[in-house]
């Protein structure tokens, strides 16, 4: 019985090991997801491989989202309407962050069309 349980442990540990390609993809997702966290879009802008289509897609959207956040921060002083815009920006940012961590290229509504025009 003891030997079988040891074999199960070694089999489970072999299954949980990731190959180098999966680790690299995880790093790409994390770097790309930083694009949606306000001023942290500078991290992938300065340190990531901009030729990578996944990172550059999310980086462009992150830059446009940051500019929209700055504009909305001035509108947010207006009661109710401004607050709704501010909440919308927070929801968009969180949704894009989660989609990026899942490895998806999710285009932001309205803002995403402007992101395509940015050259990095």
N, C-alpha and C. Protein backbone atom coordinates (compact mmCIF):
# COMPACT_ATOMS: atom_id res chain seq x y z
N UNK A 1 0.82 -1.19 0.00
CA UNK A 1 0.00 0.00 0.00
C UNK A 1 0.86 1.25 0.00
N UNK A 2 1.90 1.22 0.76
CA UNK A 2 2.78 2.39 0.87
C UNK A 2 3.39 2.73 -0.49
N UNK A 3 3.78 1.73 -1.23
CA UNK A 3 4.43 1.96 -2.52
C UNK A 3 3.45 2.59 -3.51
N UNK A 4 2.23 2.14 -3.52
CA UNK A 4 1.24 2.69 -4.44
C UNK A 4 0.97 4.16 -4.15
N UNK A 5 0.89 4.49 -2.88
CA UNK A 5 0.62 5.89 -2.56
C UNK A 5 1.79 6.78 -2.96
N UNK A 6 3.02 6.24 -2.86
CA UNK A 6 4.18 7.02 -3.30
C UNK A 6 4.15 7.22 -4.81
N UNK A 7 3.70 6.20 -5.56
CA UNK A 7 3.61 6.32 -7.00
C UNK A 7 2.58 7.38 -7.39
N UNK A 8 1.48 7.41 -6.66
CA UNK A 8 0.47 8.43 -6.95
C UNK A 8 1.02 9.83 -6.72
N UNK A 9 1.78 10.00 -5.70
CA UNK A 9 2.36 11.30 -5.41
C UNK A 9 3.31 11.72 -6.51
N UNK A 10 4.14 10.79 -6.96
CA UNK A 10 5.09 11.14 -8.02
C UNK A 10 4.36 11.39 -9.33
N UNK A 11 3.31 10.63 -9.62
CA UNK A 11 2.54 10.88 -10.84
C UNK A 11 1.84 12.24 -10.78
N UNK A 12 1.28 12.58 -9.64
CA UNK A 12 0.61 13.87 -9.50
C UNK A 12 1.60 15.02 -9.65
N UNK A 13 2.80 14.87 -9.07
CA UNK A 13 3.77 15.95 -9.18
C UNK A 13 4.27 16.08 -10.61
N UNK A 14 4.34 14.98 -11.36
CA UNK A 14 4.76 15.05 -12.76
C UNK A 14 3.69 15.72 -13.60
N UNK A 15 2.42 15.51 -13.26
CA UNK A 15 1.33 16.13 -14.01
C UNK A 15 1.22 17.62 -13.73
N UNK A 16 1.58 18.06 -12.54
CA UNK A 16 1.44 19.47 -12.20
C UNK A 16 2.58 20.33 -12.73
N UNK A 17 3.67 19.70 -13.18
CA UNK A 17 4.78 20.47 -13.73
C UNK A 17 4.35 21.07 -15.06
N UNK A 18 4.72 22.32 -15.28
CA UNK A 18 4.39 22.99 -16.54
C UNK A 18 5.61 22.96 -17.44
N UNK A 19 5.36 22.86 -18.71
CA UNK A 19 6.48 22.95 -19.63
C UNK A 19 6.84 24.43 -19.84
N UNK A 20 8.00 24.72 -20.37
CA UNK A 20 8.45 26.12 -20.50
C UNK A 20 7.53 26.98 -21.35
N UNK A 21 6.84 26.39 -22.33
CA UNK A 21 5.95 27.17 -23.18
C UNK A 21 4.78 27.70 -22.37
N UNK A 22 4.19 26.89 -21.48
CA UNK A 22 3.08 27.33 -20.66
C UNK A 22 3.51 28.43 -19.70
N UNK A 23 4.71 28.34 -19.16
CA UNK A 23 5.22 29.37 -18.26
C UNK A 23 5.37 30.68 -19.01
N UNK A 24 5.90 30.62 -20.23
CA UNK A 24 6.06 31.83 -21.04
C UNK A 24 4.71 32.46 -21.34
N UNK A 25 3.72 31.64 -21.65
CA UNK A 25 2.39 32.18 -21.93
C UNK A 25 1.81 32.85 -20.70
N UNK A 26 2.07 32.30 -19.54
CA UNK A 26 1.58 32.91 -18.31
C UNK A 26 2.22 34.28 -18.11
N UNK A 27 3.51 34.41 -18.41
CA UNK A 27 4.18 35.71 -18.27
C UNK A 27 3.61 36.72 -19.25
N UNK A 28 3.29 36.27 -20.46
CA UNK A 28 2.70 37.17 -21.45
C UNK A 28 1.33 37.66 -20.98
N UNK A 29 0.55 36.78 -20.41
CA UNK A 29 -0.78 37.17 -19.93
C UNK A 29 -0.68 38.20 -18.81
N UNK A 30 0.23 37.97 -17.89
CA UNK A 30 0.39 38.90 -16.77
C UNK A 30 0.86 40.26 -17.26
N UNK A 31 1.85 40.26 -18.15
CA UNK A 31 2.34 41.54 -18.69
C UNK A 31 1.24 42.27 -19.44
N UNK A 32 0.49 41.54 -20.26
CA UNK A 32 -0.59 42.17 -21.03
C UNK A 32 -1.70 42.68 -20.11
N UNK A 33 -1.98 41.96 -19.04
CA UNK A 33 -3.06 42.38 -18.14
C UNK A 33 -2.71 43.65 -17.38
N UNK A 34 -1.43 43.93 -17.20
CA UNK A 34 -1.03 45.17 -16.53
C UNK A 34 -1.45 46.40 -17.33
N UNK A 35 -1.71 46.22 -18.61
CA UNK A 35 -2.13 47.34 -19.45
C UNK A 35 -3.43 47.97 -18.99
N UNK A 36 -4.25 47.21 -18.29
CA UNK A 36 -5.58 47.69 -17.89
C UNK A 36 -5.61 48.24 -16.47
N UNK A 37 -4.48 48.36 -15.82
CA UNK A 37 -4.44 48.83 -14.44
C UNK A 37 -3.89 50.25 -14.34
N UNK A 38 -4.56 51.17 -14.98
CA UNK A 38 -4.19 52.58 -14.91
C UNK A 38 -2.82 52.85 -15.49
N UNK A 39 -2.00 53.55 -14.71
CA UNK A 39 -0.68 53.97 -15.18
C UNK A 39 0.28 52.79 -15.33
N UNK A 40 -0.10 51.61 -14.86
CA UNK A 40 0.76 50.44 -15.01
C UNK A 40 0.85 49.96 -16.46
N UNK A 41 0.13 50.60 -17.37
CA UNK A 41 0.29 50.27 -18.78
C UNK A 41 1.72 50.59 -19.23
N UNK A 42 2.42 51.41 -18.45
CA UNK A 42 3.81 51.75 -18.79
C UNK A 42 4.75 50.55 -18.67
N UNK A 43 4.42 49.59 -17.81
CA UNK A 43 5.29 48.42 -17.63
C UNK A 43 5.39 47.62 -18.93
N UNK A 44 4.28 47.19 -19.54
CA UNK A 44 4.44 46.48 -20.82
C UNK A 44 4.92 47.39 -21.94
N UNK A 45 4.60 48.68 -21.86
CA UNK A 45 5.06 49.61 -22.89
C UNK A 45 6.58 49.71 -22.90
N UNK A 46 7.18 49.71 -21.72
CA UNK A 46 8.63 49.88 -21.63
C UNK A 46 9.41 48.56 -21.65
N UNK A 47 8.83 47.49 -21.12
CA UNK A 47 9.61 46.27 -20.90
C UNK A 47 9.17 45.06 -21.71
N UNK A 48 8.03 45.11 -22.36
CA UNK A 48 7.54 43.92 -23.06
C UNK A 48 7.95 43.94 -24.53
N UNK A 49 7.86 42.78 -25.14
CA UNK A 49 8.12 42.64 -26.57
C UNK A 49 6.92 43.18 -27.34
N UNK A 50 7.07 44.33 -27.95
CA UNK A 50 5.95 44.97 -28.63
C UNK A 50 5.60 44.29 -29.96
N UNK A 51 6.46 43.40 -30.43
CA UNK A 51 6.17 42.66 -31.66
C UNK A 51 5.21 41.51 -31.41
N UNK A 52 5.03 41.15 -30.15
CA UNK A 52 4.09 40.10 -29.79
C UNK A 52 2.67 40.64 -29.98
N UNK A 53 1.89 39.98 -30.81
CA UNK A 53 0.55 40.50 -31.14
C UNK A 53 -0.38 40.52 -29.92
N UNK A 54 -0.25 39.55 -29.04
CA UNK A 54 -1.12 39.50 -27.86
C UNK A 54 -0.85 40.68 -26.93
N UNK A 55 0.42 40.93 -26.65
CA UNK A 55 0.78 42.03 -25.76
C UNK A 55 0.47 43.38 -26.39
N UNK A 56 0.79 43.55 -27.67
CA UNK A 56 0.54 44.85 -28.31
C UNK A 56 -0.95 45.15 -28.43
N UNK A 57 -1.77 44.12 -28.66
CA UNK A 57 -3.22 44.32 -28.72
C UNK A 57 -3.73 44.89 -27.40
N UNK A 58 -3.35 44.27 -26.29
CA UNK A 58 -3.82 44.71 -24.99
C UNK A 58 -3.16 46.02 -24.56
N UNK A 59 -1.93 46.24 -24.98
CA UNK A 59 -1.25 47.48 -24.66
C UNK A 59 -1.95 48.67 -25.31
N UNK A 60 -2.32 48.52 -26.58
CA UNK A 60 -3.04 49.60 -27.27
C UNK A 60 -4.37 49.90 -26.57
N UNK A 61 -5.09 48.87 -26.22
CA UNK A 61 -6.37 49.08 -25.53
C UNK A 61 -6.16 49.70 -24.16
N UNK A 62 -5.10 49.29 -23.48
CA UNK A 62 -4.80 49.86 -22.17
C UNK A 62 -4.48 51.34 -22.23
N UNK A 63 -3.77 51.75 -23.27
CA UNK A 63 -3.45 53.17 -23.43
C UNK A 63 -4.71 53.97 -23.66
N UNK A 64 -5.59 53.49 -24.54
CA UNK A 64 -6.84 54.19 -24.81
C UNK A 64 -7.73 54.21 -23.56
N UNK A 65 -7.75 53.12 -22.84
CA UNK A 65 -8.54 53.07 -21.60
C UNK A 65 -8.00 54.05 -20.57
N UNK A 66 -6.69 54.19 -20.48
CA UNK A 66 -6.10 55.14 -19.54
C UNK A 66 -6.48 56.57 -19.91
N UNK A 67 -6.42 56.92 -21.18
CA UNK A 67 -6.81 58.26 -21.63
C UNK A 67 -8.29 58.50 -21.34
N UNK A 68 -9.11 57.49 -21.59
CA UNK A 68 -10.54 57.62 -21.28
C UNK A 68 -10.76 57.77 -19.77
N UNK A 69 -9.96 57.07 -18.97
CA UNK A 69 -10.06 57.21 -17.51
C UNK A 69 -9.75 58.63 -17.06
N UNK A 70 -8.74 59.23 -17.67
CA UNK A 70 -8.39 60.61 -17.31
C UNK A 70 -9.53 61.55 -17.66
N UNK A 71 -10.11 61.37 -18.84
CA UNK A 71 -11.23 62.22 -19.25
C UNK A 71 -12.43 62.02 -18.33
N UNK A 72 -12.72 60.76 -18.03
CA UNK A 72 -13.87 60.46 -17.16
C UNK A 72 -13.63 60.97 -15.74
N UNK A 73 -12.39 61.04 -15.30
CA UNK A 73 -12.13 61.55 -13.96
C UNK A 73 -12.57 63.01 -13.82
N UNK A 74 -12.51 63.77 -14.90
CA UNK A 74 -13.04 65.14 -14.86
C UNK A 74 -14.56 65.16 -14.90
N UNK A 75 -15.14 64.23 -15.65
CA UNK A 75 -16.60 64.15 -15.75
C UNK A 75 -17.20 63.59 -14.45
N UNK A 76 -16.42 62.81 -13.72
CA UNK A 76 -16.93 62.16 -12.51
C UNK A 76 -17.36 63.14 -11.43
N UNK A 77 -16.97 64.41 -11.55
CA UNK A 77 -17.40 65.41 -10.59
C UNK A 77 -18.88 65.76 -10.74
N UNK A 78 -19.43 65.43 -11.87
CA UNK A 78 -20.86 65.68 -12.10
C UNK A 78 -21.65 64.57 -11.40
N UNK A 79 -22.57 64.95 -10.53
CA UNK A 79 -23.33 63.92 -9.80
C UNK A 79 -24.11 63.00 -10.76
N UNK A 80 -24.27 61.82 -10.38
CA UNK A 80 -24.99 60.71 -11.01
C UNK A 80 -24.42 60.36 -12.39
N UNK A 81 -24.47 61.25 -13.36
CA UNK A 81 -23.97 60.95 -14.70
C UNK A 81 -22.47 60.65 -14.66
N UNK A 82 -21.73 61.49 -13.99
CA UNK A 82 -20.30 61.28 -13.87
C UNK A 82 -19.96 60.02 -13.12
N UNK A 83 -20.74 59.73 -12.09
CA UNK A 83 -20.51 58.53 -11.30
C UNK A 83 -20.77 57.28 -12.15
N UNK A 84 -21.81 57.34 -12.98
CA UNK A 84 -22.10 56.19 -13.85
C UNK A 84 -20.96 55.95 -14.84
N UNK A 85 -20.41 57.03 -15.40
CA UNK A 85 -19.28 56.88 -16.30
C UNK A 85 -18.06 56.30 -15.57
N UNK A 86 -17.84 56.76 -14.36
CA UNK A 86 -16.71 56.26 -13.57
C UNK A 86 -16.88 54.77 -13.27
N UNK A 87 -18.09 54.37 -12.91
CA UNK A 87 -18.36 52.95 -12.65
C UNK A 87 -18.20 52.12 -13.92
N UNK A 88 -18.62 52.66 -15.04
CA UNK A 88 -18.47 51.97 -16.32
C UNK A 88 -16.99 51.73 -16.64
N UNK A 89 -16.16 52.71 -16.37
CA UNK A 89 -14.73 52.57 -16.63
C UNK A 89 -14.10 51.51 -15.73
N UNK A 90 -14.53 51.46 -14.49
CA UNK A 90 -14.02 50.45 -13.56
C UNK A 90 -14.42 49.05 -14.02
N UNK A 91 -15.67 48.91 -14.43
CA UNK A 91 -16.16 47.61 -14.90
C UNK A 91 -15.42 47.18 -16.17
N UNK A 92 -15.24 48.10 -17.11
CA UNK A 92 -14.50 47.78 -18.33
C UNK A 92 -13.07 47.36 -18.03
N UNK A 93 -12.44 48.07 -17.13
CA UNK A 93 -11.06 47.76 -16.77
C UNK A 93 -10.95 46.38 -16.13
N UNK A 94 -11.83 46.07 -15.21
CA UNK A 94 -11.81 44.76 -14.56
C UNK A 94 -12.13 43.63 -15.53
N UNK A 95 -13.12 43.86 -16.41
CA UNK A 95 -13.48 42.83 -17.38
C UNK A 95 -12.32 42.55 -18.34
N UNK A 96 -11.68 43.60 -18.80
CA UNK A 96 -10.54 43.44 -19.71
C UNK A 96 -9.38 42.75 -19.00
N UNK A 97 -9.15 43.09 -17.74
CA UNK A 97 -8.10 42.47 -16.95
C UNK A 97 -8.31 40.96 -16.84
N UNK A 98 -9.54 40.56 -16.52
CA UNK A 98 -9.86 39.14 -16.36
C UNK A 98 -9.74 38.41 -17.70
N UNK A 99 -10.28 39.01 -18.77
CA UNK A 99 -10.22 38.37 -20.08
C UNK A 99 -8.78 38.18 -20.54
N UNK A 100 -7.92 39.14 -20.21
CA UNK A 100 -6.51 39.03 -20.59
C UNK A 100 -5.82 37.92 -19.81
N UNK A 101 -6.11 37.81 -18.54
CA UNK A 101 -5.52 36.72 -17.75
C UNK A 101 -5.98 35.36 -18.24
N UNK A 102 -7.18 35.30 -18.82
CA UNK A 102 -7.68 34.05 -19.39
C UNK A 102 -7.06 33.77 -20.76
N UNK A 103 -6.32 34.74 -21.30
CA UNK A 103 -5.64 34.54 -22.57
C UNK A 103 -6.47 34.90 -23.78
N UNK A 104 -7.51 35.69 -23.60
CA UNK A 104 -8.40 36.05 -24.70
C UNK A 104 -8.09 37.45 -25.21
N UNK A 105 -8.32 37.66 -26.49
CA UNK A 105 -8.22 39.00 -27.09
C UNK A 105 -9.64 39.57 -27.15
N UNK A 106 -10.04 40.21 -26.09
CA UNK A 106 -11.37 40.78 -25.98
C UNK A 106 -11.31 42.26 -26.31
N UNK A 107 -12.05 42.67 -27.33
CA UNK A 107 -12.04 44.07 -27.72
C UNK A 107 -13.02 44.85 -26.85
N UNK A 108 -12.54 45.93 -26.27
CA UNK A 108 -13.39 46.77 -25.44
C UNK A 108 -14.46 47.43 -26.30
N UNK A 109 -15.69 47.49 -25.80
CA UNK A 109 -16.73 48.18 -26.56
C UNK A 109 -16.41 49.67 -26.69
N UNK A 110 -16.67 50.23 -27.83
CA UNK A 110 -16.48 51.64 -28.18
C UNK A 110 -14.99 52.01 -28.19
N UNK A 111 -14.31 51.81 -27.09
CA UNK A 111 -12.91 52.21 -26.95
C UNK A 111 -11.99 51.37 -27.84
N UNK A 112 -12.33 50.12 -28.05
CA UNK A 112 -11.48 49.21 -28.81
C UNK A 112 -11.23 49.65 -30.23
N UNK A 113 -12.19 50.33 -30.84
CA UNK A 113 -12.00 50.78 -32.23
C UNK A 113 -10.93 51.86 -32.32
N UNK A 114 -10.79 52.67 -31.28
CA UNK A 114 -9.74 53.70 -31.27
C UNK A 114 -8.37 53.08 -31.04
N UNK A 115 -8.34 51.97 -30.34
CA UNK A 115 -7.06 51.32 -30.03
C UNK A 115 -6.39 50.78 -31.28
N UNK A 116 -7.18 50.39 -32.28
CA UNK A 116 -6.60 49.86 -33.52
C UNK A 116 -5.79 50.91 -34.26
N UNK A 117 -6.07 52.17 -34.03
CA UNK A 117 -5.40 53.26 -34.75
C UNK A 117 -4.04 53.63 -34.16
N UNK A 118 -3.72 53.11 -32.99
CA UNK A 118 -2.46 53.47 -32.32
C UNK A 118 -1.32 52.62 -32.86
N UNK A 119 -0.22 53.26 -33.18
CA UNK A 119 0.99 52.57 -33.61
C UNK A 119 1.95 52.50 -32.43
N UNK A 120 2.47 51.32 -32.17
CA UNK A 120 3.41 51.17 -31.06
C UNK A 120 4.79 50.86 -31.61
